Amino acid sequence: MSIPKTFTEARKAIAAGTTVRQLVEAALAEAERRKDLNAFLELFPESALAKADEVDAKLKAGKAGALAGMLVSIKDNICYKGHRVGASSRILEGFTSLYSATVVDRLLAADAVIIGRTNCDEFAMGSSNENSAYGLVKNPVDTTKVPGGSSGGAAASVAAGIVHVALGSDTGGSIRQPASFTGTVGFKPTYGRVSRYGLIAFASSFDQIGPFAHDLDDTTAVYSVIAGSDAHDSTTSRTPNDPIALSDPGKLRIGYFREGLERAGMDPEVVAHLQAQIDRLRNEGHTVEPVEVPLLDHQVPTYYILATAEASSNLARFDGIHFGHRSASAKGVEETYRLSRSEGFGPEVKRRILLGTFVLSSGYYDAYYAKAQRVRRILRDRTLEAFERYDLLIGPTCPSTAFAPGEITNPVAMYLQDIFTVQANLVGAPAISLPTGTHSNGLPFGVQLMAKPFDEARLLAAAKTLFLA
């Protein structure tokens, strides 16, 4: 049988007599058929089919949860008890999680079915999914292109029609950039809105779990289940979750990023599409005005100083003694540390650990890390000032469409893929990439909407009614 594209369609199929087991069997078969994409590192047939049978029984008894029958994949840095998780790194190869992430528990409690774990850039460090220890992921839209990163496998699993929703993580754009490249919706909630308990950390003050989907209804359904405070994560907010109605938010004040239209290196078709969206919104009666991106050229350097510093600290635990791969040839404590980490980590992870260790080192801490923290505060203050004038900010998600593997070899050039996405992570604001454009090369691309922290209700309603209705 064919897999319904969205959960809304799946619910109609279930109401018409299709069982959840049939949906899961179809998804597992499709994932196997499309294994050339390398989107999944592992499928979970045993637990997925057992869950499907459980949900079918609940549906028959009229006791099923809000996500009964939703097919979900999880990025390989999200823990699921009794299942392997490895952040697509050799250093955690073969590791089985002893507990589940809060988001996994909440999905399962709502009767979603998790069918497998998806490939990603190692420890979520990358913008193309070329850094995985298990090979790159192919973009289902055009298999000669990358799907974006770091959540490339998650995006690909949705774009390929294997699952209705995928959970990824977004540290500097790792949900929104792959969404733009694959023609899907990618949503990063406010920092602290979704628990990070059970997420293998990259940069703890930036990381945020969020969904990929085909539409806003599925995005909202999953977000409503996974959001909320968590006793296991002290950084989650107690701010109440506003009901998400996806109804018309009325006439809005929208700021657009002037740099998204004028910056050198932007794809002309991406610029023209953004201008067309701005003109359309004005014609529909919304106030749309240019707004400067605060310290745009400082955002990516600030992000990479802070994120690599946090990565250096977080990844110190993977040393072959506390956690992770232990070198078989090491002799003595010092060699165990050195060889285990050298063998276990890939080149990009090593690069970022070295950068982070450097900016935290004596003599450089004040010059780099402390200064970057001050810049981050300025960015947050100026962005929040903009939200006093505007309900939403709009801009491009990425400067271009998906590129070919190996096309970008300069690490700095790759880091600049995040130029329009890192602001939301630096300030902790919610942001979403919407699949609104198709390039003359046949590839999709998105526009990005950002709202003030904890204003997900208006952000999602505007995304639905103004762009994807």
Protein backbone atom coordinates (compact mmCIF):
# COMPACT_ATOMS: atom_id res chain seq x y z
CA MET A 1 0.00 0.00 0.00
CA SER A 2 1.06 3.61 -0.48
CA ILE A 3 1.92 5.70 2.57
CA PRO A 4 -0.35 8.70 3.13
CA LYS A 5 1.79 11.82 2.74
CA THR A 6 0.55 13.56 5.89
CA PHE A 7 -0.82 12.47 9.24
CA THR A 8 -4.12 14.13 8.36
CA GLU A 9 -4.39 11.82 5.35
CA ALA A 10 -3.27 8.85 7.46
CA ARG A 11 -6.06 9.46 9.97
CA LYS A 12 -8.59 9.43 7.15
CA ALA A 13 -7.14 6.13 5.91
CA ILE A 14 -7.32 4.67 9.42
CA ALA A 15 -10.93 5.81 9.76
CA ALA A 16 -11.64 4.05 6.45
CA GLY A 17 -10.24 0.75 7.71
CA THR A 18 -6.46 0.85 7.23
CA THR A 19 -4.61 -0.46 10.27
CA VAL A 20 -1.61 1.21 11.86
CA ARG A 21 0.29 -2.05 11.36
CA GLN A 22 -0.30 -1.76 7.62
CA LEU A 23 1.02 1.80 7.64
CA VAL A 24 4.13 0.77 9.57
CA GLU A 25 4.77 -2.21 7.30
CA ALA A 26 4.49 0.08 4.27
CA ALA A 27 6.89 2.60 5.82
CA LEU A 28 9.46 -0.05 6.68
CA ALA A 29 9.23 -1.46 3.16
CA GLU A 30 9.59 2.00 1.61
CA ALA A 31 12.59 2.78 3.80
CA GLU A 32 14.21 -0.44 2.65
CA ARG A 33 13.38 0.34 -0.99
CA ARG A 34 14.94 3.80 -0.66
CA LYS A 35 17.99 2.69 1.30
CA ASP A 36 20.15 4.23 -1.43
CA LEU A 37 19.33 7.58 0.18
CA ASN A 38 21.19 6.48 3.32
CA ALA A 39 18.61 8.44 5.32
CA PHE A 40 18.21 5.75 8.00
CA LEU A 41 21.07 4.29 9.99
CA GLU A 42 18.73 1.71 11.48
CA LEU A 43 15.08 0.72 11.28
CA PHE A 44 13.19 -0.46 14.35
CA PRO A 45 10.81 -3.10 12.92
CA GLU A 46 10.30 -5.05 16.13
CA SER A 47 9.36 -2.13 18.39
CA ALA A 48 7.54 -0.27 15.60
CA LEU A 49 5.28 -3.19 14.77
CA ALA A 50 4.65 -3.91 18.46
CA LYS A 51 3.66 -0.27 18.95
CA ALA A 52 1.45 -0.43 15.85
CA ASP A 53 -0.45 -3.39 17.28
CA GLU A 54 -0.83 -1.55 20.59
CA VAL A 55 -2.21 1.53 18.84
CA ASP A 56 -4.60 -0.55 16.73
CA ALA A 57 -5.98 -2.07 19.94
CA LYS A 58 -6.36 1.39 21.49
CA LEU A 59 -8.13 2.69 18.40
CA LYS A 60 -10.54 -0.22 18.53
CA ALA A 61 -11.23 0.53 22.21
CA GLY A 62 -11.58 4.26 21.58
CA LYS A 63 -8.63 5.10 23.84
CA ALA A 64 -5.93 6.12 21.34
CA GLY A 65 -3.72 9.16 21.80
CA ALA A 66 -3.61 12.37 19.76
CA LEU A 67 -0.92 11.07 17.38
CA ALA A 68 -2.30 7.55 16.90
CA GLY A 69 -0.82 6.16 13.70
CA MET A 70 1.66 8.98 13.03
CA LEU A 71 4.88 7.61 11.52
CA VAL A 72 7.97 9.28 12.98
CA SER A 73 11.73 9.05 12.57
CA ILE A 74 14.24 10.38 15.10
CA LYS A 75 17.66 11.87 14.48
CA ASP A 76 20.57 9.74 15.66
CA ASN A 77 21.29 12.03 18.59
CA ILE A 78 17.93 11.47 20.32
CA CYS A 79 17.84 8.60 22.82
CA TYR A 80 15.26 5.81 22.68
CA LYS A 81 15.50 3.23 25.46
CA GLY A 82 16.65 -0.18 24.28
CA HIS A 83 17.66 1.17 20.87
CA ARG A 84 21.04 2.18 19.53
CA VAL A 85 22.02 5.84 19.33
CA GLY A 86 25.35 7.19 18.17
CA ALA A 87 25.24 10.77 16.85
CA SER A 88 26.50 9.25 13.57
CA SER A 89 29.95 8.88 15.15
CA ARG A 90 32.32 5.93 15.42
CA ILE A 91 33.03 6.90 19.01
CA LEU A 92 29.53 5.71 20.02
CA GLU A 93 29.26 2.82 17.59
CA GLY A 94 27.11 0.02 19.01
CA PHE A 95 25.91 2.00 22.04
CA THR A 96 22.38 1.17 23.24
CA SER A 97 20.51 3.84 25.15
CA LEU A 98 19.48 3.09 28.73
CA TYR A 99 16.65 5.63 28.73
CA SER A 100 14.42 7.60 26.37
CA ALA A 101 14.49 11.30 25.65
CA THR A 102 11.51 13.22 26.99
CA VAL A 103 10.36 13.94 23.44
CA VAL A 104 10.38 10.21 22.67
CA ASP A 105 8.36 9.39 25.78
CA ARG A 106 5.83 12.08 24.88
CA LEU A 107 5.50 10.86 21.28
CA LEU A 108 4.99 7.28 22.39
CA ALA A 109 2.47 8.33 25.05
CA ALA A 110 0.50 10.07 22.27
CA ASP A 111 0.66 6.81 20.25
CA ALA A 112 3.02 7.89 17.49
CA VAL A 113 5.14 5.07 16.03
CA ILE A 114 8.92 5.52 15.73
CA ILE A 115 10.22 3.49 12.82
CA GLY A 116 13.96 4.25 12.92
CA ARG A 117 16.91 6.54 13.58
CA THR A 118 18.21 8.84 10.87
CA ASN A 119 21.66 9.72 9.64
CA CYS A 120 23.14 13.12 10.48
CA ASP A 121 26.38 15.04 10.51
CA GLU A 122 28.56 13.64 13.29
CA PHE A 123 27.46 15.11 16.63
CA ALA A 124 25.21 17.43 14.60
CA MET A 125 28.22 19.34 13.29
CA GLY A 126 27.71 20.23 9.64
CA SER A 127 25.51 21.78 6.98
CA SER A 128 25.47 19.06 4.35
CA ASN A 129 25.35 15.63 6.08
CA GLU A 130 28.76 14.90 4.56
CA ASN A 131 30.35 14.57 8.01
CA SER A 132 28.57 11.40 9.11
CA ALA A 133 30.82 8.45 9.92
CA TYR A 134 28.30 6.33 7.95
CA GLY A 135 28.32 8.19 4.67
CA LEU A 136 26.44 11.11 3.21
CA VAL A 137 22.68 11.27 2.74
CA LYS A 138 21.21 11.89 -0.71
CA ASN A 139 18.54 14.51 -1.27
CA PRO A 140 15.31 12.73 -2.36
CA VAL A 141 14.41 15.69 -4.58
CA ASP A 142 17.66 15.29 -6.55
CA THR A 143 19.97 12.48 -5.47
CA THR A 144 22.99 14.29 -6.93
CA LYS A 145 22.59 16.95 -4.21
CA VAL A 146 23.02 17.01 -0.44
CA PRO A 147 19.92 17.27 1.78
CA GLY A 148 21.52 19.86 4.06
CA GLY A 149 22.62 19.31 7.62
CA SER A 150 23.03 18.43 10.24
CA SER A 151 19.57 16.81 10.27
CA GLY A 152 19.85 15.63 6.67
CA GLY A 153 18.57 12.12 7.22
CA ALA A 154 15.55 13.39 9.14
CA ALA A 155 14.67 15.82 6.35
CA ALA A 156 15.19 13.13 3.71
CA SER A 157 12.95 10.65 5.53
CA VAL A 158 10.07 13.13 5.32
CA ALA A 159 10.82 14.38 1.80
CA ALA A 160 10.97 10.79 0.54
CA GLY A 161 7.48 10.12 1.91
CA ILE A 162 8.62 7.41 4.33
CA VAL A 163 7.37 9.10 7.51
CA HIS A 164 4.89 11.85 8.28
CA VAL A 165 7.17 13.67 10.73
CA ALA A 166 10.84 13.53 11.71
CA LEU A 167 12.46 14.92 14.83
CA GLY A 168 15.74 16.74 14.31
CA SER A 169 17.85 19.11 16.34
CA ASP A 170 18.71 22.70 15.48
CA THR A 171 21.85 24.31 16.92
CA GLY A 172 22.49 26.93 14.25
CA GLY A 173 20.04 26.02 11.50
CA SER A 174 20.21 22.23 11.39
CA ILE A 175 16.45 21.83 10.96
CA ARG A 176 15.64 24.87 8.85
CA GLN A 177 18.46 24.58 6.28
CA PRO A 178 17.71 20.90 5.42
CA ALA A 179 14.02 21.79 5.25
CA SER A 180 14.81 24.47 2.68
CA PHE A 181 16.94 22.05 0.65
CA THR A 182 14.34 19.27 0.65
CA GLY A 183 11.09 21.22 0.26
CA THR A 184 9.75 20.42 3.73
CA VAL A 185 8.61 22.44 6.73
CA GLY A 186 11.32 22.75 9.39
CA PHE A 187 10.48 24.27 12.78
CA LYS A 188 12.82 25.31 15.59
CA PRO A 189 10.85 26.25 18.73
CA THR A 190 11.94 28.79 21.32
CA TYR A 191 14.97 27.67 23.32
CA GLY A 192 13.64 25.98 26.44
CA ARG A 193 10.20 25.24 24.98
CA VAL A 194 11.07 21.59 24.23
CA SER A 195 13.08 19.43 26.63
CA ARG A 196 16.64 18.53 25.66
CA TYR A 197 16.72 15.61 28.09
CA GLY A 198 17.96 12.64 26.08
CA LEU A 199 19.49 14.75 23.30
CA ILE A 200 23.21 14.10 22.85
CA ALA A 201 24.59 17.58 23.40
CA PHE A 202 26.53 19.63 20.87
CA ALA A 203 26.14 23.17 22.26
CA SER A 204 23.82 23.22 25.25
CA SER A 205 22.77 26.87 25.11
CA PHE A 206 21.82 26.57 21.43
CA ASP A 207 20.48 23.04 20.87
CA GLN A 208 16.75 22.67 20.35
CA ILE A 209 14.67 19.70 19.16
CA GLY A 210 12.02 20.35 16.53
CA PRO A 211 10.01 18.65 13.75
CA PHE A 212 10.13 18.27 9.99
CA ALA A 213 6.81 17.74 8.22
CA HIS A 214 4.98 18.33 4.95
CA ASP A 215 2.47 20.80 6.36
CA LEU A 216 1.69 23.04 9.33
CA ASP A 217 -1.01 20.75 10.72
CA ASP A 218 1.45 17.91 11.32
CA THR A 219 4.10 20.35 12.55
CA THR A 220 1.67 21.80 15.07
CA ALA A 221 0.36 18.42 16.18
CA VAL A 222 3.83 17.18 17.08
CA TYR A 223 4.95 20.45 18.63
CA SER A 224 1.87 20.52 20.86
CA VAL A 225 2.78 17.07 22.18
CA ILE A 226 6.52 17.51 22.75
CA ALA A 227 6.52 21.09 24.09
CA GLY A 228 6.35 21.91 27.77
CA SER A 229 8.42 22.01 30.94
CA ASP A 230 10.31 18.93 32.06
CA ALA A 231 11.67 18.13 35.51
CA HIS A 232 14.60 16.35 33.84
CA ASP A 233 15.74 19.55 32.05
CA SER A 234 16.20 22.64 34.20
CA THR A 235 16.49 24.84 31.10
CA THR A 236 12.92 24.18 30.00
CA SER A 237 10.55 27.09 30.51
CA ARG A 238 7.48 27.11 32.72
CA THR A 239 5.83 29.59 30.36
CA PRO A 240 2.42 28.07 29.51
CA ASN A 241 1.95 26.69 26.01
CA ASP A 242 -0.58 28.78 24.12
CA PRO A 243 -3.17 26.74 22.19
CA ILE A 244 -2.25 26.57 18.51
CA ALA A 245 -5.35 27.29 16.41
CA LEU A 246 -3.71 27.96 13.02
CA SER A 247 -6.42 30.56 12.44
CA ASP A 248 -5.99 33.86 10.60
CA PRO A 249 -3.84 36.12 12.83
CA GLY A 250 -5.16 39.27 11.14
CA LYS A 251 -3.08 42.05 9.68
CA LEU A 252 0.51 41.83 10.86
CA ARG A 253 3.54 44.06 11.14
CA ILE A 254 6.38 42.23 9.41
CA GLY A 255 10.01 43.24 9.16
CA TYR A 256 12.11 41.86 6.33
CA PHE A 257 15.86 41.48 6.34
CA ARG A 258 17.25 44.01 3.90
CA GLU A 259 20.47 41.99 3.72
CA GLY A 260 18.48 39.04 2.38
CA LEU A 261 17.78 41.08 -0.73
CA GLU A 262 21.03 42.99 -1.09
CA ARG A 263 23.83 40.75 0.17
CA ALA A 264 26.48 39.70 -2.35
CA GLY A 265 26.49 36.00 -3.14
CA MET A 266 22.73 35.54 -2.85
CA ASP A 267 21.11 33.45 -5.57
CA PRO A 268 19.14 35.94 -7.74
CA GLU A 269 16.10 33.65 -7.87
CA VAL A 270 16.02 33.36 -4.08
CA VAL A 271 16.15 37.16 -3.87
CA ALA A 272 13.40 37.60 -6.47
CA HIS A 273 11.18 35.09 -4.67
CA LEU A 274 11.61 36.85 -1.34
CA GLN A 275 10.78 40.19 -2.94
CA ALA A 276 7.67 38.67 -4.49
CA GLN A 277 6.56 37.38 -1.08
CA ILE A 278 7.11 40.83 0.44
CA ASP A 279 5.08 42.48 -2.34
CA ARG A 280 2.28 39.93 -1.92
CA LEU A 281 2.07 40.49 1.83
CA ARG A 282 1.87 44.26 1.31
CA ASN A 283 -0.86 43.83 -1.26
CA GLU A 284 -2.79 41.74 1.25
CA GLY A 285 -2.75 44.64 3.70
CA HIS A 286 0.11 43.73 6.00
CA THR A 287 2.71 46.30 7.02
CA VAL A 288 6.05 45.10 5.66
CA GLU A 289 9.16 47.21 6.28
CA PRO A 290 12.90 46.71 5.96
CA VAL A 291 14.86 45.97 9.13
CA GLU A 292 18.58 45.68 9.54
CA VAL A 293 19.97 42.35 10.69
CA PRO A 294 21.97 43.30 13.79
CA LEU A 295 25.70 42.68 13.33
CA LEU A 296 25.05 40.25 10.47
CA ASP A 297 28.71 39.70 9.63
CA HIS A 298 29.45 39.01 13.32
CA GLN A 299 26.71 36.45 13.85
CA VAL A 300 28.38 33.40 12.31
CA PRO A 301 31.77 34.06 14.00
CA THR A 302 30.01 34.66 17.33
CA TYR A 303 28.02 31.47 16.95
CA TYR A 304 31.05 29.34 16.07
CA ILE A 305 33.13 30.71 18.94
CA LEU A 306 30.41 29.94 21.47
CA ALA A 307 29.15 26.69 19.95
CA THR A 308 32.63 25.18 19.58
CA ALA A 309 33.49 26.19 23.15
CA GLU A 310 30.41 24.36 24.39
CA ALA A 311 31.20 21.40 22.14
CA SER A 312 34.72 21.18 23.56
CA SER A 313 33.22 20.94 27.04
CA ASN A 314 30.34 18.60 26.18
CA LEU A 315 32.43 16.15 24.17
CA ALA A 316 35.15 15.85 26.80
CA ARG A 317 33.20 12.94 28.31
CA PHE A 318 33.78 10.80 25.20
CA ASP A 319 37.30 9.76 26.11
CA GLY A 320 37.36 5.97 25.98
CA ILE A 321 37.20 5.77 29.77
CA HIS A 322 33.95 7.45 30.82
CA PHE A 323 32.08 6.95 27.53
CA GLY A 324 32.71 5.92 23.96
CA HIS A 325 35.18 3.95 21.88
CA ARG A 326 38.35 2.77 23.61
CA SER A 327 41.40 2.21 21.44
CA ALA A 328 42.52 -1.42 21.42
CA SER A 329 46.13 -0.43 20.83
CA ALA A 330 46.45 2.18 23.59
CA LYS A 331 48.91 1.65 26.43
CA GLY A 332 48.47 3.76 29.51
CA VAL A 333 46.02 6.50 30.45
CA GLU A 334 47.36 9.32 28.26
CA GLU A 335 47.49 7.13 25.15
CA THR A 336 43.99 5.82 25.86
CA TYR A 337 42.62 9.35 25.82
CA ARG A 338 44.57 10.40 22.75
CA LEU A 339 44.05 7.34 20.56
CA SER A 340 40.43 6.72 21.55
CA ARG A 341 39.41 10.25 20.61
CA SER A 342 41.62 10.30 17.50
CA GLU A 343 40.10 7.06 16.24
CA GLY A 344 36.54 7.80 17.33
CA PHE A 345 35.98 11.38 16.17
CA GLY A 346 35.86 12.52 12.55
CA PRO A 347 37.71 15.53 11.07
CA GLU A 348 34.96 18.14 11.55
CA VAL A 349 34.35 17.19 15.18
CA LYS A 350 38.08 17.33 15.87
CA ARG A 351 38.26 20.75 14.22
CA ARG A 352 35.48 22.12 16.39
CA ILE A 353 36.87 20.62 19.59
CA LEU A 354 40.23 22.24 18.84
CA LEU A 355 38.60 25.60 18.07
CA GLY A 356 36.52 25.43 21.23
CA THR A 357 39.45 24.44 23.41
CA PHE A 358 41.47 27.31 21.97
CA VAL A 359 38.86 30.01 22.66
CA LEU A 360 38.46 28.74 26.22
CA SER A 361 42.19 28.55 26.91
CA SER A 362 44.12 30.81 29.24
CA GLY A 363 45.10 34.03 27.50
CA TYR A 364 42.37 33.76 24.84
CA TYR A 365 39.19 33.38 26.91
CA ASP A 366 38.59 37.13 27.27
CA ALA A 367 39.61 37.90 23.69
CA TYR A 368 37.23 35.36 22.14
CA TYR A 369 34.72 33.58 24.37
CA ALA A 370 33.90 36.47 26.72
CA LYS A 371 33.68 38.94 23.85
CA ALA A 372 31.41 36.60 21.89
CA GLN A 373 29.09 36.35 24.89
CA ARG A 374 28.85 40.16 24.97
CA VAL A 375 28.07 40.24 21.24
CA ARG A 376 25.40 37.58 21.77
CA ARG A 377 23.73 39.77 24.39
CA ILE A 378 23.77 42.77 22.02
CA LEU A 379 22.22 40.60 19.29
CA ARG A 380 19.48 39.43 21.64
CA ASP A 381 18.70 42.93 22.85
CA ARG A 382 18.51 44.37 19.34
CA THR A 383 16.41 41.49 18.05
CA LEU A 384 13.95 41.83 20.92
CA GLU A 385 13.79 45.58 20.20
CA ALA A 386 12.77 44.71 16.63
CA PHE A 387 9.97 42.52 17.99
CA GLU A 388 8.59 45.54 19.85
CA ARG A 389 7.85 47.00 16.39
CA TYR A 390 7.11 43.84 14.40
CA ASP A 391 5.10 40.67 14.93
CA LEU A 392 7.35 38.64 12.64
CA LEU A 393 10.64 38.87 10.79
CA ILE A 394 10.96 37.34 7.32
CA GLY A 395 14.03 36.51 5.29
CA PRO A 396 15.63 33.77 3.23
CA THR A 397 16.39 30.49 4.95
CA CYS A 398 19.54 29.94 2.90
CA PRO A 399 21.49 31.91 0.29
CA SER A 400 20.98 29.21 -2.37
CA THR A 401 19.47 25.83 -3.17
CA ALA A 402 21.09 22.47 -2.36
CA PHE A 403 24.60 21.91 -3.67
CA ALA A 404 26.45 18.79 -4.79
CA PRO A 405 28.56 16.69 -2.42
CA GLY A 406 32.12 18.00 -2.35
CA GLU A 407 31.12 21.30 -3.91
CA ILE A 408 31.98 23.28 -0.78
CA THR A 409 35.36 22.26 0.61
CA ASN A 410 36.32 25.38 2.57
CA PRO A 411 35.08 25.02 6.17
CA VAL A 412 34.46 28.77 6.49
CA ALA A 413 32.37 28.78 3.31
CA MET A 414 30.37 25.87 4.72
CA TYR A 415 29.85 27.72 8.02
CA LEU A 416 28.36 30.64 6.07
CA GLN A 417 25.46 28.38 5.09
CA ASP A 418 24.13 29.35 8.53
CA ILE A 419 24.24 33.11 7.95
CA PHE A 420 20.46 33.62 8.05
CA THR A 421 19.59 30.87 10.55
CA VAL A 422 22.00 31.40 13.47
CA GLN A 423 20.27 34.55 14.70
CA ALA A 424 17.30 32.59 16.04
CA ASN A 425 19.63 30.29 17.97
CA LEU A 426 21.77 33.12 19.31
CA VAL A 427 18.70 34.91 20.71
CA GLY A 428 16.61 31.83 21.56
CA ALA A 429 13.71 32.78 19.28
CA PRO A 430 11.38 30.41 17.40
CA ALA A 431 11.85 30.19 13.63
CA ILE A 432 10.45 28.15 10.78
CA SER A 433 11.46 27.43 7.19
CA LEU A 434 8.56 27.16 4.76
CA PRO A 435 8.81 25.49 1.31
CA THR A 436 7.54 28.37 -0.83
CA GLY A 437 9.94 28.45 -3.79
CA THR A 438 11.12 26.27 -6.66
CA HIS A 439 14.26 27.29 -8.52
CA SER A 440 14.71 27.06 -12.29
CA ASN A 441 17.14 24.22 -11.52
CA GLY A 442 14.16 22.26 -10.17
CA LEU A 443 15.25 22.41 -6.54
CA PRO A 444 13.10 23.74 -3.70
CA PHE A 445 14.01 26.52 -1.30
CA GLY A 446 12.32 28.21 1.61
CA VAL A 447 11.63 31.48 3.33
CA GLN A 448 12.19 31.84 7.06
CA LEU A 449 9.84 33.40 9.59
CA MET A 450 10.99 34.33 13.09
CA ALA A 451 8.89 35.45 16.05
CA LYS A 452 9.67 36.71 19.52
CA PRO A 453 10.43 34.03 22.14
CA PHE A 454 7.40 31.93 23.16
CA ASP A 455 5.21 33.34 20.39
CA GLU A 456 4.91 30.01 18.56
CA ALA A 457 1.12 30.33 18.32
CA ARG A 458 1.30 33.43 16.13
CA LEU A 459 4.31 32.15 14.18
CA LEU A 460 2.60 28.89 13.21
CA ALA A 461 -0.74 30.56 12.49
CA ALA A 462 0.94 33.10 10.20
CA ALA A 463 2.97 30.39 8.48
CA LYS A 464 -0.21 28.44 7.78
CA THR A 465 -2.56 31.22 6.71
CA LEU A 466 -0.10 33.50 4.89
CA PHE A 467 2.11 30.93 3.16
CA LEU A 468 0.85 27.33 3.21
CA ALA A 469 -2.95 27.63 3.33
